[in-house]
Amino acid sequence: MGVVNKSLPPKSKRKTMNCYKCKTPNPDNWFYCRECGGKASQPAFTTNLYMGTEAGKRTDVEFSSTTIEEHTKQIISNKQDKSDKFWADKVKQAGVR
């Protein structure tokens, strides 16, 4: 005997929905319509919801295209610059010439 979820009403009292594409009844509330094969209900979220948020309103994001080689060289250069600065600061703090 399986676990009974008491928060859900009995199956006979649940609201059944029809497929929003072909309008076929979906009494078992399947995610995909058994008749047409499409999703049985409309998506709950869209990209429009994201665009209305503060993160979606950002205009300081820039996109560019680059090759893997250029990107790798840039990453290595940035790491080397940070490493050089780090060790220069450590030498300065130690008072070594």
Protein backbone atom coordinates (compact mmCIF):
# COMPACT_ATOMS: atom_id res chain seq x y z
CA MET A 1 0.00 0.00 0.00
CA GLY A 2 1.43 3.35 -1.03
CA VAL A 3 1.64 6.62 0.83
CA VAL A 4 -1.57 8.64 0.69
CA ASN A 5 -1.22 12.38 0.19
CA LYS A 6 -4.00 13.80 2.35
CA SER A 7 -3.53 17.34 1.05
CA LEU A 8 -4.99 16.38 -2.35
CA PRO A 9 -8.71 15.80 -2.76
CA PRO A 10 -9.82 12.36 -3.97
CA LYS A 11 -9.33 11.78 -7.68
CA SER A 12 -13.07 11.87 -8.30
CA LYS A 13 -13.32 15.41 -6.85
CA ARG A 14 -10.28 16.91 -8.60
CA LYS A 15 -10.85 19.43 -11.34
CA THR A 16 -10.12 17.80 -14.68
CA MET A 17 -8.85 19.88 -17.53
CA ASN A 18 -8.97 19.47 -21.26
CA CYS A 19 -5.98 19.64 -23.58
CA TYR A 20 -5.62 23.28 -24.55
CA LYS A 21 -4.72 22.37 -28.15
CA CYS A 22 -7.25 19.70 -29.15
CA LYS A 23 -9.73 20.12 -26.24
CA THR A 24 -9.74 16.37 -25.51
CA PRO A 25 -10.68 15.60 -21.87
CA ASN A 26 -7.69 14.80 -19.67
CA PRO A 27 -9.24 13.19 -16.56
CA ASP A 28 -5.92 11.79 -15.29
CA ASN A 29 -4.17 15.19 -15.64
CA TRP A 30 -1.36 13.87 -17.82
CA PHE A 31 1.38 16.36 -18.72
CA TYR A 32 1.09 15.39 -22.38
CA CYS A 33 -2.17 14.90 -24.22
CA ARG A 34 -2.93 11.24 -24.94
CA GLU A 35 -4.74 12.23 -28.15
CA CYS A 36 -2.54 14.84 -29.92
CA GLY A 37 0.77 14.27 -28.09
CA GLY A 38 1.26 17.95 -27.28
CA LYS A 39 1.58 19.47 -23.81
CA ALA A 40 -1.80 19.25 -22.12
CA SER A 41 -1.62 22.67 -20.49
CA GLN A 42 -0.11 26.03 -21.26
CA PRO A 43 3.28 26.85 -19.71
CA ALA A 44 3.09 28.61 -16.35
CA PHE A 45 6.03 30.92 -17.04
CA THR A 46 7.20 32.78 -20.11
CA THR A 47 10.26 34.85 -20.91
CA ASN A 48 7.98 37.88 -20.68
CA LEU A 49 7.83 37.35 -16.91
CA TYR A 50 11.64 37.49 -16.79
CA MET A 51 11.80 40.64 -18.90
CA GLY A 52 9.55 42.43 -16.42
CA THR A 53 11.95 41.86 -13.53
CA GLU A 54 14.86 44.07 -12.52
CA ALA A 55 17.34 41.55 -13.93
CA GLY A 56 15.53 41.63 -17.26
CA LYS A 57 15.78 45.40 -17.47
CA ARG A 58 19.58 45.49 -17.34
CA THR A 59 21.15 47.29 -20.25
CA ASP A 60 24.79 47.00 -19.22
CA VAL A 61 25.15 43.43 -20.49
CA GLU A 62 27.14 43.19 -23.70
CA PHE A 63 27.42 40.21 -26.00
CA SER A 64 30.32 39.57 -28.31
CA SER A 65 31.74 36.70 -30.30
CA THR A 66 35.29 35.47 -29.90
CA THR A 67 37.23 32.32 -30.64
CA ILE A 68 38.22 29.81 -28.00
CA GLU A 69 41.87 30.63 -28.57
CA GLU A 70 41.34 34.37 -28.02
CA HIS A 71 39.26 33.72 -24.92
CA THR A 72 41.86 31.33 -23.51
CA LYS A 73 44.67 33.85 -24.10
CA GLN A 74 42.60 36.56 -22.39
CA ILE A 75 41.90 34.35 -19.35
CA ILE A 76 45.58 33.37 -19.04
CA SER A 77 46.66 37.01 -19.36
CA ASN A 78 44.16 38.13 -16.70
CA LYS A 79 45.32 35.39 -14.31
CA GLN A 80 48.97 36.26 -14.92
CA ASP A 81 48.30 39.97 -14.30
CA LYS A 82 46.47 39.18 -11.04
CA SER A 83 49.27 36.85 -9.95
CA ASP A 84 51.95 39.44 -10.74
CA LYS A 85 50.06 42.13 -8.81
CA PHE A 86 49.48 39.76 -5.87
CA TRP A 87 53.16 38.88 -5.55
CA ALA A 88 54.31 42.46 -6.07
CA ASP A 89 52.06 43.51 -3.17
CA LYS A 90 53.41 40.65 -1.01
CA VAL A 91 57.00 41.66 -1.74
CA LYS A 92 56.17 45.28 -0.92
CA GLN A 93 54.51 44.25 2.37
CA ALA A 94 57.51 42.13 3.33
CA GLY A 95 59.82 45.05 2.72
CA VAL A 96 61.97 43.05 0.32
CA ARG A 97 63.49 45.04 -2.45
